[in-house]
Structure formats: C-alpha cells, structure tokens
Amino acid sequence: MNLQLDIQCASTEPVPDEDDIRRWIIVALAGRRSSDTEISLRLVDIPEMTALNGSYRGKAGPTNVLSFPADLPPELELPLLGDIVICAPVVRAEAREQAKPLAAHWAHMTVHGTLHLLGYDHIEETEAQAMEALETEILGQLNFPCPYRDNIPKEHADA
C-alpha cells in the first residue's frame, strides 16, 4: 500500500510530527486496505472545529476528531479515502483531563479518524465494542496503552 497523506496545519497549538502521524495511519490501514490510499488531514483550532461540528453534525462546540469518507463511486477507482479533521486544543485538553500522555491521545484520535474513513463506527453498542477493540489492538502495535482502560469493568481490569 502506498499512502499519500496531505497534512494541513491550521492550528497555533503544537502538533505531532508528520512522520508520527503517517506511521499511526499506516498501522491503522494495515490489513484493512491494500490499495493506494490518499487521505487529507487538517489540524485545526477551536473556532474551525466548532464551525465544522455545527455544520456537519448539528452539534454546538468543538469535538476532538471528525472524519469525512470520500464515498466515491467504485467505478472511478480513485485512491481518495477521505478527510480527517483533528482539533489540537481539544486533544491537548482531553489528554490532560484523562491523565494520558499527549502522544498517546494524538495517536488514538488519528487511528479513530482513520477507522471511520474505513467504515467503522460506534453508534450501536456492538459497533462501539468492535471499534474500541480494534483501536486498542492498533494502539498496542504502536506501543501505546489501551485508551479505554478506565472504561474496563473492575473485575476485568487485570485480565
């Protein structure tokens, strides 16, 4: 698989290195997409994410990550998978609130957005469990801890 990644940084916040972002996306795509792939990733601040979240989800305020699958007709045979938008200040604030390393949360949001482009979702409980398990597996491959550790029932926390 050949990944063409267009990263647009429209944030005043510090963001991860392009090499890290590329590695996170490649691991998320591994075994799930074998053809050439093109993704656009935009790193934004709160005003832009707030506008996008309102326009596309009808929700007030910013969110951490939004994904926009290309949804192209298959006969076009184009490599465009879609666009991901990540709000840098929200990621930083969430990492601090959740007592997670900033790089781990960035990796999680990048993987999460990539999986949405691949068609994974978390609206239904069974979908959410499958997506969370996959995110945990991918992040483990990247040497990051389970992002849902605090959500594991106490009797299973040491399993």
Foldseek 3Di string as FASTA:
>chain_A
DAEAEAEAEAAPDDDDDPVLLVVLLCLLCPPLDDDYAYEYEYEHAWVVQQVVCCVPVVDGTHDAKDWDAPPDPVVVVDRYLTYMYGYVVVLVVVCVVVVHPSSLSNSLRSSLRSVVSSPQDPPDPVSVVVSLVSSQVSSVVVVGHRPCLVVDPPVPNVD
